[in-house]
Structure formats: structure tokens, C-alpha cells
Amino acid sequence: MRRYLKKVSFLLLLVFLAVTALAGCGGAKSEDKGGQAGGDKAFDWKAYSGETIKLALVKHPWTDSVLFQLDSFKSLTGIDVLYDVYPEEEFFNKITVVLSSGSSEYDAFMIGPYQIWQYAPANWLEPLSSYMNSESLTGADWDKEDIYPNILGTDAWDLKMGSQVGTGEQWALPFAFHLNALQYRKDLFEKYDLKVPETIEDVIEVGKVIQQNEKNMYGISVRGTRSWATIHPGFLTGYQSYGAKDFDSNLNPAMNSPEAVAMVEDWIKMVKEVGPPQWTNTTWYEVTNSLGGGQSAMIYDADVLGYFVNSPGSSDQAGNIAWAPGPGKDGPALEPNLYTWSLSINSKSKNKDAAWYFLQWATSKEVQLKGALEKDLVNPIRKSVWENPDFKKRLEGFDNYYQTYQEIIGGANIYYTPEPLFFETTTLWSEALQQVYLGQKTAQQALDGVAEELSKRLKEQGLGK
């Protein structure tokens, strides 16, 4: 679902290695004190009235759910807001150039969790913990405890390579996210009296029934391109259920372990027997359209993909989609990998406190609820929105969406280990999956090759043992 060009990956890696050694001395530092300008003053939404901030944003329905409320922010704070909206690939190219040059062009910008592992060590992101903990800069009604801790934690990290997310400095605030789950055609399951699959093997059995009885249909669609986007959704969710790891505690590649090999063998068997005919060219776009257009009976991907094709008038299958936890090794995969879109502050911004006001407002209960009810802010980060009767009612037309969410949210997290070669690693990993699919190598051979190559690259950087 996300593409990211690595034109500056070598630069990012050099900067990462140069500054990581400073992590034990307090981590990245901003140019000014930021988060302390309010002193002992009482919180006041008008404290920065008259200032102007500029945002860099990604074109996305979640972005729209915030922007349509922008006039209320201006009225509340007196802060003027300028913004540029880019397609995702162009956005990441643009923001990387801006940040790496030390420019203050944008005060705040959208960010994904994997970019934090590169941007934060490079001192491009403003640390946010002091803002969050300041009574003069953060209103009491912002209510941090109302945000799911595992969602907020995806943007917290201690800058230590191989250290999991959820501890250390807060580098961004999530404002929306998705979980990976099974989405399926409930009419076909009713027609053939099929049980919702709980394991990868179940998917194969159900998929075969569909393919034997429905012309020009295949059982399930999952991503398959040579890209990081193939690894992080359904694949990594199923992978977690096998007890497989990407790296060990010393940051040595572990994707060729017995558990990992078994998972890849099952996954590729599923794809070959009941998956899309052009799997190696399948992106999130094809996955989504295959479900909405009636080509696939199931998808294993971001829960919001089915949401957008199930909305009234959105596709041929609108109103006909249902949700369930993703299939795993011995039962449902109740620890799904997730993805967040978040907001960060540029460490070079000259308007950090005003930018923080925007982050605080965009993640507030009021903005989250209005975006969820009147636009498509799904999934919202706040517990109170999920408990809201009107939001529950809105999801009634999305069969088992709410119930599936409640079943898997507790175990959801980022299950990839933070490390500076993320995009290289996942490209090699997805290439190995293709090699197995095409019969060029066995799963063990392909994954051994990935582990060997990554070990070499990591050791060249002084990583791993």
C-alpha cells in the first residue's frame, strides 16, 4: 500500500550510524527548547494566535477527514495553516529532501512508522514528550489515556538499533491506522455453507471450493510485488502467528529459521493454489479491486481496504463484505501487524509550539469523532470514538468489522524490528518469496540467501554478530 523510493537511503544510513552513538546521551536535540516556551502559564488555545504554520501531507481519505475541519482549528487558535498535499511517492521524495537539507519549509508533516527509524536518528524530528507532558502546552482534555497505548507506542522509540517500538522518546502522534485482517464475500460463504478460515490451510480448502464453483474467480488476493509493501500487511501478520522473527536479539537475520521457512512454504502454497494469477504484480490496489470487483473471494490485508469497497456505491460488492481475524498457523492471527499515519514536527521549524497545537488538535477527541462520523477516519486512534454509539451504528453495515477490531486490537503492534536497512531488507525478503513462487528456489534456499546477504550488509555497518 505504500511505496517508498530509496534514492537517499545511503545518506540516511550514514547519518543514522553517525548519530546513533549519541542516543545514550539524550537522543536527538531540537534547535530551540521547544515544548518549554509555555513555561508555567496556563494552557491557552490562543497563545500563538497570529502565527502561521505550513504542513506537508499525503493525499488520503484520512487526510481529508482532518482538513475539512481546518476552519475550526483556525477559529479556535488564531493560527493560520498553509499546506501542500502530495501523492504518497512524491510526498516521501519531497519531505526527505526538505528534511535532509535542514530546511524549515514545513513545520509539521505526515509520517509512517518505518520512516521514524531513519528520520529520528538523523535529528530531523522534534521530540514530542516534553510537549505532551507540559500543562501549559497541552490541554487537560487532550487525554492521552484515551489513545490506545499500542497505537501511540508505534511512534515511540529509544533510537537503539534492534530495540522494539513502544519505549523511549515520542517522535510523532498517530491520527489513524489500519490492522491486517481477513475480508471476504459473505454471499459466497453463505451460498456454499463455508466456514470462515482460521488457518492458512483453511484458506486453501475454502479457496478451492470457490474456484471449483465460481467461474473466473480465485480464492484469495494478497500482495506479491518486489517491495516492502508485500511484507508488512497480511504476510507479517501470519508470520507472527508462526512464532517466526525477522531478527534475533543481536540483530542477526532470523527469517530463515525453521518457523519462518514453514510459514513461507504454507504462504506460497496458498498463493499458488488459490491466489491471483499475476501474484508477482499484485499491489494493494489490485488486492482492493479484486474484492470489490468480484475477482477474489477473500483478501488478507489492511482492514480498511474492504471498508472502502463496502461503502454504499463504492463497488460492485458494496454491502457484501465481512471481516474476521486473519488466518494463522494453528488458529486466527490475533497479533496483527499494523500501520499508522502520524504527524511529526520538523526539528528545524521556527513555529514548533504552534505546530504542536495543530498535532494536539488533529488527534483530539472532537476532531477524531467528527472525522469518523462525517468522513472516513477509519480507524480512529481513540477509545472514546470506538465506544461512541453513533460510530458503532455507522459500522453496522460493515459485517463484523467492529467485532473483529475488538478481537485483534489488543495484540496489534509493529512486529518488524527497527533497523536502518528496512527497505533493503523487505525488498530482498519479498524477492525471496517470488523465487519460491516461481520455483526457482526452495523456501530454505531463498531465505538462507536473504539472511546471508543481510548479514553481510549489516556487518559492513558494524551491526549484528
Protein backbone atom coordinates (compact mmCIF):
# COMPACT_ATOMS: atom_id res chain seq x y z
CA MET A 1 0.00 0.00 0.00
CA ARG A 2 2.94 2.19 0.48
CA ARG A 3 5.80 2.77 -1.98
CA TYR A 4 8.96 4.45 -0.97
CA LEU A 5 11.88 5.34 -3.24
CA LYS A 6 15.28 4.84 -1.68
CA LYS A 7 17.25 7.44 -3.64
CA VAL A 8 18.64 8.82 -0.39
CA SER A 9 18.88 5.54 1.54
CA PHE A 10 22.68 5.58 1.62
CA LEU A 11 22.68 9.11 3.02
CA LEU A 12 20.11 8.14 5.63
CA LEU A 13 22.15 5.13 6.70
CA LEU A 14 25.32 7.18 7.10
CA VAL A 15 23.51 9.77 9.18
CA PHE A 16 21.84 7.02 11.23
CA LEU A 17 25.15 5.42 12.12
CA ALA A 18 26.80 8.73 12.88
CA VAL A 19 24.21 9.91 15.37
CA THR A 20 23.01 6.68 16.97
CA ALA A 21 26.01 6.75 19.26
CA LEU A 22 24.51 9.89 20.78
CA ALA A 23 21.32 8.08 21.82
CA GLY A 24 22.69 7.28 25.24
CA CYS A 25 23.36 10.99 25.79
CA GLY A 26 19.76 12.08 25.46
CA GLY A 27 18.91 11.36 21.83
CA ALA A 28 18.11 13.91 19.16
CA LYS A 29 18.02 17.57 20.15
CA SER A 30 15.97 20.30 18.52
CA GLU A 31 17.38 23.69 17.58
CA ASP A 32 15.46 25.50 20.30
CA LYS A 33 13.99 24.43 23.58
CA GLY A 34 10.55 23.73 22.08
CA GLY A 35 7.87 22.29 24.35
CA GLN A 36 9.06 24.64 27.10
CA ALA A 37 8.08 28.01 25.70
CA GLY A 38 4.85 27.99 27.66
CA GLY A 39 6.71 27.93 30.99
CA ASP A 40 4.33 27.92 33.95
CA LYS A 41 1.50 29.64 32.08
CA ALA A 42 -1.94 28.07 31.98
CA PHE A 43 -2.86 26.34 28.73
CA ASP A 44 -4.44 28.74 26.24
CA TRP A 45 -5.56 27.80 22.73
CA LYS A 46 -4.96 31.44 21.67
CA ALA A 47 -1.37 31.54 22.90
CA TYR A 48 0.04 31.51 19.36
CA SER A 49 -2.67 33.47 17.59
CA GLY A 50 -1.31 35.27 14.56
CA GLU A 51 1.34 32.66 13.75
CA THR A 52 1.34 30.66 10.50
CA ILE A 53 2.37 27.04 10.09
CA LYS A 54 2.87 25.03 6.91
CA LEU A 55 2.12 21.32 6.56
CA ALA A 56 3.23 18.60 4.14
CA LEU A 57 0.51 15.97 3.74
CA VAL A 58 -0.22 12.78 1.80
CA LYS A 59 -3.29 12.52 -0.41
CA HIS A 60 -5.51 10.12 1.54
CA PRO A 61 -9.10 9.90 2.87
CA TRP A 62 -7.67 10.15 6.39
CA THR A 63 -6.05 13.47 5.47
CA ASP A 64 -9.38 14.72 4.13
CA SER A 65 -11.06 13.81 7.41
CA VAL A 66 -8.84 16.34 9.20
CA LEU A 67 -8.60 19.05 6.55
CA PHE A 68 -12.35 19.52 6.25
CA GLN A 69 -12.32 20.67 9.88
CA LEU A 70 -9.44 23.10 9.45
CA ASP A 71 -11.56 26.23 9.83
CA SER A 72 -12.41 25.17 13.37
CA PHE A 73 -8.70 24.97 14.21
CA LYS A 74 -8.10 28.45 12.86
CA SER A 75 -11.06 29.80 14.80
CA LEU A 76 -10.01 28.03 17.99
CA THR A 77 -6.35 29.05 17.90
CA GLY A 78 -5.97 32.07 15.62
CA ILE A 79 -3.17 30.12 13.88
CA ASP A 80 -3.22 30.22 10.10
CA VAL A 81 -2.44 26.98 8.26
CA LEU A 82 -0.90 26.53 4.83
CA TYR A 83 -0.47 23.05 3.39
CA ASP A 84 0.69 21.05 0.40
CA VAL A 85 -0.83 17.67 -0.43
CA TYR A 86 1.16 15.17 -2.49
CA PRO A 87 0.65 11.63 -3.81
CA GLU A 88 2.47 9.27 -1.46
CA GLU A 89 5.57 8.51 -3.53
CA GLU A 90 6.11 12.16 -4.39
CA PHE A 91 5.50 13.12 -0.78
CA PHE A 92 8.28 10.93 0.62
CA ASN A 93 10.73 12.15 -2.01
CA LYS A 94 9.82 15.76 -1.23
CA ILE A 95 9.90 15.55 2.56
CA THR A 96 13.19 13.63 2.57
CA VAL A 97 14.86 16.35 0.51
CA VAL A 98 13.40 19.10 2.72
CA LEU A 99 14.47 17.48 5.97
CA SER A 100 17.92 16.36 4.82
CA SER A 101 18.73 19.89 3.67
CA GLY A 102 17.90 21.35 7.08
CA SER A 103 15.05 23.39 5.64
CA SER A 104 12.27 24.80 7.80
CA GLU A 105 9.85 24.95 4.83
CA TYR A 106 7.40 22.64 6.59
CA ASP A 107 6.65 22.92 10.28
CA ALA A 108 4.84 19.59 10.51
CA PHE A 109 4.26 16.67 8.18
CA MET A 110 2.79 13.20 7.90
CA ILE A 111 4.97 10.19 8.57
CA GLY A 112 4.76 6.40 8.70
CA PRO A 113 6.35 4.27 11.44
CA TYR A 114 9.17 2.93 9.26
CA GLN A 115 10.36 6.42 8.33
CA ILE A 116 10.77 7.31 12.02
CA TRP A 117 13.60 4.78 12.22
CA GLN A 118 15.51 6.84 9.66
CA TYR A 119 14.39 10.40 10.37
CA ALA A 120 14.68 10.41 14.18
CA PRO A 121 18.35 9.30 14.38
CA ALA A 122 19.17 11.93 11.74
CA ASN A 123 17.82 14.63 14.11
CA TRP A 124 15.11 15.62 11.64
CA LEU A 125 12.21 15.11 14.06
CA GLU A 126 11.30 17.21 17.08
CA PRO A 127 10.97 15.06 20.25
CA LEU A 128 7.39 15.37 21.49
CA SER A 129 7.40 14.01 25.04
CA SER A 130 8.07 17.41 26.61
CA TYR A 131 5.11 18.89 24.71
CA MET A 132 2.82 16.07 25.78
CA ASN A 133 3.83 16.47 29.42
CA SER A 134 3.59 20.26 29.53
CA GLU A 135 0.49 21.61 31.29
CA SER A 136 0.99 24.96 29.56
CA LEU A 137 1.20 23.48 26.05
CA THR A 138 -1.25 20.58 26.28
CA GLY A 139 -4.84 20.95 27.44
CA ALA A 140 -6.10 18.60 30.12
CA ASP A 141 -8.93 17.44 27.84
CA TRP A 142 -6.48 16.07 25.24
CA ASP A 143 -6.45 12.95 27.43
CA LYS A 144 -3.51 10.77 26.42
CA GLU A 145 -5.05 7.81 28.25
CA ASP A 146 -7.91 7.76 25.72
CA ILE A 147 -5.48 6.84 22.93
CA TYR A 148 -4.77 3.13 22.52
CA PRO A 149 -1.31 2.70 24.10
CA ASN A 150 -0.10 0.23 21.48
CA ILE A 151 -1.09 2.65 18.72
CA LEU A 152 0.61 5.62 20.36
CA GLY A 153 3.61 3.42 21.07
CA THR A 154 4.26 2.72 17.39
CA ASP A 155 5.74 6.23 17.18
CA ALA A 156 7.89 5.89 20.32
CA TRP A 157 11.43 4.57 20.05
CA ASP A 158 14.68 4.79 22.01
CA LEU A 159 16.94 5.16 18.93
CA LYS A 160 18.68 1.86 19.65
CA MET A 161 19.07 -0.42 16.65
CA GLY A 162 17.16 -3.64 17.20
CA SER A 163 15.13 -2.18 20.04
CA GLN A 164 11.37 -2.61 19.67
CA VAL A 165 8.95 0.29 19.32
CA GLY A 166 6.95 1.48 22.31
CA THR A 167 9.72 2.78 24.56
CA GLY A 168 11.81 5.93 24.55
CA GLU A 169 11.02 9.30 23.01
CA GLN A 170 7.73 10.04 21.25
CA TRP A 171 8.55 11.15 17.69
CA ALA A 172 5.08 11.52 16.20
CA LEU A 173 1.39 11.34 17.04
CA PRO A 174 -0.72 8.80 15.12
CA PHE A 175 -4.07 10.07 13.88
CA ALA A 176 -5.32 6.98 12.02
CA PHE A 177 -4.23 3.39 11.44
CA HIS A 178 -5.19 0.06 9.97
CA LEU A 179 -4.99 -3.52 11.17
CA ASN A 180 -4.49 -6.52 8.91
CA ALA A 181 -7.41 -8.91 8.78
CA LEU A 182 -9.36 -11.30 6.56
CA GLN A 183 -12.08 -9.75 4.40
CA TYR A 184 -14.42 -11.98 2.44
CA ARG A 185 -17.54 -12.24 0.28
CA LYS A 186 -20.24 -13.24 2.74
CA ASP A 187 -22.70 -14.14 -0.05
CA LEU A 188 -20.36 -16.84 -1.36
CA PHE A 189 -19.71 -18.19 2.11
CA GLU A 190 -23.45 -18.44 2.68
CA LYS A 191 -24.08 -19.93 -0.77
CA TYR A 192 -21.61 -22.78 -0.25
CA ASP A 193 -22.03 -23.07 3.52
CA LEU A 194 -18.37 -22.26 4.10
CA LYS A 195 -16.76 -21.72 7.47
CA VAL A 196 -14.60 -18.61 7.83
CA PRO A 197 -10.99 -19.85 7.62
CA GLU A 198 -8.82 -19.61 10.73
CA THR A 199 -5.59 -21.07 9.34
CA ILE A 200 -3.65 -20.80 6.08
CA GLU A 201 -4.63 -24.39 5.30
CA ASP A 202 -8.30 -23.45 5.84
CA VAL A 203 -7.91 -20.66 3.28
CA ILE A 204 -6.68 -23.17 0.71
CA GLU A 205 -9.62 -25.50 1.32
CA VAL A 206 -12.20 -22.71 1.12
CA GLY A 207 -10.48 -21.17 -1.91
CA LYS A 208 -10.66 -24.45 -3.81
CA VAL A 209 -14.41 -24.67 -3.26
CA ILE A 210 -14.83 -21.14 -4.64
CA GLN A 211 -12.65 -21.82 -7.67
CA GLN A 212 -14.43 -25.07 -8.48
CA ASN A 213 -17.84 -23.43 -8.46
CA GLU A 214 -17.36 -19.79 -9.50
CA LYS A 215 -16.12 -19.08 -12.99
CA ASN A 216 -13.19 -16.66 -13.34
CA MET A 217 -12.71 -16.30 -9.59
CA TYR A 218 -9.80 -17.13 -7.32
CA GLY A 219 -9.84 -17.80 -3.61
CA ILE A 220 -7.74 -15.02 -2.09
CA SER A 221 -5.72 -11.99 -3.06
CA VAL A 222 -2.56 -10.86 -1.24
CA ARG A 223 0.28 -8.58 -2.29
CA GLY A 224 3.22 -10.02 -4.19
CA THR A 225 5.42 -7.32 -5.73
CA ARG A 226 9.13 -6.95 -5.02
CA SER A 227 8.51 -4.32 -2.37
CA TRP A 228 8.36 -3.70 1.36
CA ALA A 229 4.60 -3.36 0.90
CA THR A 230 4.38 -7.13 0.29
CA ILE A 231 5.91 -7.94 3.67
CA HIS A 232 4.19 -5.72 6.22
CA PRO A 233 0.42 -6.48 5.81
CA GLY A 234 -1.05 -10.00 5.73
CA PHE A 235 2.29 -11.76 5.35
CA LEU A 236 3.85 -10.35 8.52
CA THR A 237 0.61 -10.88 10.43
CA GLY A 238 0.55 -14.56 9.51
CA TYR A 239 4.31 -14.76 10.10
CA GLN A 240 3.86 -13.58 13.68
CA SER A 241 1.41 -16.41 14.36
CA TYR A 242 4.06 -18.98 13.41
CA GLY A 243 6.35 -17.67 16.15
CA ALA A 244 8.80 -16.53 13.48
CA LYS A 245 11.06 -13.49 13.91
CA ASP A 246 12.74 -11.15 11.46
CA PHE A 247 15.90 -10.66 13.58
CA ASP A 248 17.26 -12.11 16.79
CA SER A 249 18.19 -10.03 19.84
CA ASN A 250 21.61 -9.26 18.33
CA LEU A 251 20.11 -8.01 15.08
CA ASN A 252 21.14 -11.11 13.16
CA PRO A 253 18.69 -12.06 10.37
CA ALA A 254 16.28 -14.78 11.51
CA MET A 255 13.97 -15.03 8.52
CA ASN A 256 15.49 -18.42 7.61
CA SER A 257 14.56 -20.12 10.91
CA PRO A 258 12.50 -23.35 10.84
CA GLU A 259 9.40 -21.36 11.85
CA ALA A 260 9.97 -18.82 9.09
CA VAL A 261 10.58 -21.47 6.45
CA ALA A 262 7.40 -23.32 7.43
CA MET A 263 5.38 -20.12 7.19
CA VAL A 264 6.75 -19.22 3.75
CA GLU A 265 6.08 -22.73 2.45
CA ASP A 266 2.45 -22.51 3.61
CA TRP A 267 2.05 -18.95 2.32
CA ILE A 268 3.38 -19.73 -1.16
CA LYS A 269 1.31 -22.90 -1.31
CA MET A 270 -1.77 -20.76 -0.62
CA VAL A 271 -0.84 -18.23 -3.28
CA LYS A 272 -0.06 -20.87 -5.92
CA GLU A 273 -3.21 -22.92 -5.34
CA VAL A 274 -5.87 -20.27 -4.67
CA GLY A 275 -4.18 -16.90 -5.18
CA PRO A 276 -4.21 -14.34 -8.02
CA PRO A 277 -2.79 -15.49 -11.39
CA GLN A 278 -0.46 -12.48 -11.62
CA TRP A 279 0.64 -12.53 -7.99
CA THR A 280 4.11 -11.05 -8.52
CA ASN A 281 2.45 -7.91 -9.93
CA THR A 282 -0.21 -7.61 -7.24
CA THR A 283 -0.17 -4.41 -5.15
CA TRP A 284 -2.67 -3.12 -2.59
CA TYR A 285 -4.58 -1.57 -5.49
CA GLU A 286 -5.14 -4.91 -7.24
CA VAL A 287 -5.97 -6.57 -3.92
CA THR A 288 -8.66 -3.98 -3.23
CA ASN A 289 -10.15 -4.05 -6.71
CA SER A 290 -10.19 -7.85 -6.83
CA LEU A 291 -12.52 -7.92 -3.84
CA GLY A 292 -14.71 -5.02 -4.88
CA GLY A 293 -14.83 -6.16 -8.50
CA GLY A 294 -15.71 -9.77 -7.72
CA GLN A 295 -12.50 -11.49 -8.87
CA SER A 296 -11.42 -12.77 -5.44
CA ALA A 297 -13.50 -14.25 -2.65
CA MET A 298 -11.12 -13.13 0.11
CA ILE A 299 -8.27 -10.74 0.80
CA TYR A 300 -5.75 -10.75 3.65
CA ASP A 301 -4.68 -7.15 4.06
CA ALA A 302 -5.48 -3.83 5.73
CA ASP A 303 -8.98 -3.89 7.19
CA VAL A 304 -9.75 -0.53 5.60
CA LEU A 305 -9.35 -1.90 2.06
CA GLY A 306 -12.59 -3.82 2.43
CA TYR A 307 -14.14 -0.83 4.19
CA PHE A 308 -13.66 1.39 1.16
CA VAL A 309 -15.18 -1.11 -1.31
CA ASN A 310 -18.04 -1.96 1.04
CA SER A 311 -19.29 1.61 1.39
CA PRO A 312 -22.57 2.31 -0.45
CA GLY A 313 -21.98 2.87 -4.16
CA SER A 314 -18.24 2.26 -3.96
CA SER A 315 -18.03 -1.06 -5.85
CA ASP A 316 -19.97 -3.98 -7.29
CA GLN A 317 -19.70 -5.74 -3.92
CA ALA A 318 -20.68 -2.82 -1.70
CA GLY A 319 -22.57 -4.12 1.35
CA ASN A 320 -21.42 -7.66 0.65
CA ILE A 321 -18.11 -7.78 2.57
CA ALA A 322 -17.47 -9.26 6.01
CA TRP A 323 -14.44 -9.25 8.32
CA ALA A 324 -12.64 -11.76 10.54
CA PRO A 325 -9.23 -12.06 12.18
CA GLY A 326 -6.57 -13.08 9.70
CA PRO A 327 -5.68 -16.78 9.36
CA GLY A 328 -2.60 -18.02 11.20
CA LYS A 329 -0.69 -21.22 11.84
CA ASP A 330 -2.98 -23.07 14.25
CA GLY A 331 -5.83 -20.58 14.51
CA PRO A 332 -6.67 -16.91 13.99
CA ALA A 333 -3.75 -14.48 13.91
CA LEU A 334 -4.66 -12.32 16.90
CA GLU A 335 -1.43 -10.27 16.84
CA PRO A 336 -1.74 -8.38 13.57
CA ASN A 337 0.92 -6.10 12.22
CA LEU A 338 -0.42 -2.57 11.86
CA TYR A 339 0.36 0.66 10.02
CA THR A 340 -0.17 4.20 11.23
CA TRP A 341 -0.28 7.57 9.55
CA SER A 342 1.07 10.08 12.03
CA LEU A 343 2.12 13.72 12.35
CA SER A 344 5.62 14.90 13.25
CA ILE A 345 7.22 18.29 13.80
CA ASN A 346 10.27 19.37 11.83
CA SER A 347 13.18 19.86 14.23
CA LYS A 348 14.15 22.95 12.21
CA SER A 349 10.71 24.54 12.43
CA LYS A 350 10.58 28.10 13.72
CA ASN A 351 6.99 27.58 14.90
CA LYS A 352 7.23 24.39 16.95
CA ASP A 353 4.72 25.28 19.64
CA ALA A 354 2.12 26.38 17.10
CA ALA A 355 2.79 23.18 15.16
CA TRP A 356 2.27 21.21 18.37
CA TYR A 357 -1.10 22.89 18.77
CA PHE A 358 -2.05 21.52 15.37
CA LEU A 359 -0.91 17.98 16.27
CA GLN A 360 -2.81 18.21 19.55
CA TRP A 361 -5.96 19.42 17.82
CA ALA A 362 -5.79 16.88 14.94
CA THR A 363 -5.59 13.99 17.44
CA SER A 364 -8.21 15.39 19.81
CA LYS A 365 -11.42 13.58 20.73
CA GLU A 366 -13.57 16.10 18.88
CA VAL A 367 -11.66 16.00 15.60
CA GLN A 368 -11.35 12.23 15.69
CA LEU A 369 -15.07 11.74 16.29
CA LYS A 370 -16.18 14.22 13.64
CA GLY A 371 -13.81 12.68 11.10
CA ALA A 372 -15.06 9.18 11.92
CA LEU A 373 -18.73 10.14 11.69
CA GLU A 374 -18.75 12.55 8.76
CA LYS A 375 -15.77 11.37 6.70
CA ASP A 376 -13.75 8.16 6.53
CA LEU A 377 -11.40 8.37 9.52
CA VAL A 378 -11.22 4.61 9.95
CA ASN A 379 -9.55 3.51 12.08
CA PRO A 380 -9.58 6.32 14.69
CA ILE A 381 -6.95 6.19 17.44
CA ARG A 382 -9.25 6.98 20.37
CA LYS A 383 -11.10 4.50 22.55
CA SER A 384 -13.90 7.01 23.13
CA VAL A 385 -14.69 7.11 19.40
CA TRP A 386 -14.96 3.33 19.25
CA GLU A 387 -17.32 3.47 22.23
CA ASN A 388 -19.46 6.20 20.66
CA PRO A 389 -22.99 4.89 19.80
CA ASP A 390 -23.15 6.85 16.54
CA PHE A 391 -19.84 5.43 15.35
CA LYS A 392 -20.96 1.92 16.25
CA LYS A 393 -24.14 2.50 14.29
CA ARG A 394 -22.18 3.68 11.27
CA LEU A 395 -20.25 0.41 11.24
CA GLU A 396 -23.39 -1.74 11.34
CA GLY A 397 -23.32 -2.03 7.56
CA PHE A 398 -19.80 -3.48 7.72
CA ASP A 399 -20.43 -7.04 8.83
CA ASN A 400 -18.24 -8.00 11.81
CA TYR A 401 -15.87 -5.05 11.30
CA TYR A 402 -16.36 -3.76 14.84
CA GLN A 403 -16.24 -7.21 16.40
CA THR A 404 -13.07 -8.14 14.52
CA TYR A 405 -11.44 -4.90 15.57
CA GLN A 406 -12.22 -5.53 19.21
CA GLU A 407 -10.86 -9.06 18.93
CA ILE A 408 -7.47 -8.10 17.49
CA ILE A 409 -6.71 -4.55 18.67
CA GLY A 410 -5.18 -5.75 21.94
CA GLY A 411 -2.49 -7.77 20.18
CA ALA A 412 -1.82 -5.31 17.35
CA ASN A 413 1.60 -3.73 17.01
CA ILE A 414 4.55 -3.10 14.72
CA TYR A 415 6.16 -6.53 14.56
CA TYR A 416 9.11 -5.55 12.41
CA THR A 417 12.35 -4.82 14.26
CA PRO A 418 13.56 -1.20 13.85
CA GLU A 419 16.78 -1.16 11.83
CA PRO A 420 18.31 1.17 9.23
CA LEU A 421 18.07 -1.25 6.28
CA PHE A 422 14.31 -1.73 6.48
CA PHE A 423 13.59 -1.01 2.82
CA GLU A 424 16.55 -3.06 1.58
CA THR A 425 15.64 -5.94 3.88
CA THR A 426 12.00 -6.11 2.88
CA THR A 427 12.84 -5.85 -0.82
CA LEU A 428 15.20 -8.81 -0.53
CA TRP A 429 12.63 -10.69 1.53
CA SER A 430 9.82 -10.15 -0.98
CA GLU A 431 12.16 -11.14 -3.81
CA ALA A 432 12.79 -14.42 -1.99
CA LEU A 433 9.04 -15.05 -1.82
CA GLN A 434 8.86 -14.57 -5.58
CA GLN A 435 11.73 -17.01 -6.11
CA VAL A 436 9.86 -19.68 -4.16
CA TYR A 437 6.61 -18.92 -6.00
CA LEU A 438 8.33 -19.21 -9.39
CA GLY A 439 10.02 -22.48 -8.44
CA GLN A 440 13.50 -21.01 -8.73
CA LYS A 441 14.46 -21.94 -5.16
CA THR A 442 13.10 -23.81 -2.20
CA ALA A 443 11.93 -21.74 0.75
CA GLN A 444 15.02 -22.74 2.73
CA GLN A 445 17.37 -21.81 -0.12
CA ALA A 446 15.72 -18.47 -0.79
CA LEU A 447 15.58 -17.44 2.86
CA ASP A 448 19.13 -18.60 3.52
CA GLY A 449 20.15 -16.31 0.70
CA VAL A 450 18.34 -13.36 2.27
CA ALA A 451 19.88 -13.99 5.67
CA GLU A 452 23.37 -14.34 4.22
CA GLU A 453 23.13 -11.14 2.20
CA LEU A 454 21.66 -9.13 5.05
CA SER A 455 24.27 -10.41 7.49
CA LYS A 456 26.95 -9.17 5.12
CA ARG A 457 25.36 -5.74 4.72
CA LEU A 458 24.75 -5.33 8.44
CA LYS A 459 28.27 -6.38 9.37
CA GLU A 460 29.66 -3.83 6.90
CA GLN A 461 27.89 -1.25 9.07
CA GLY A 462 29.09 -2.74 12.33
CA LEU A 463 25.74 -4.37 13.11
CA GLY A 464 24.85 -7.92 14.05
CA LYS A 465 27.24 -10.51 15.46
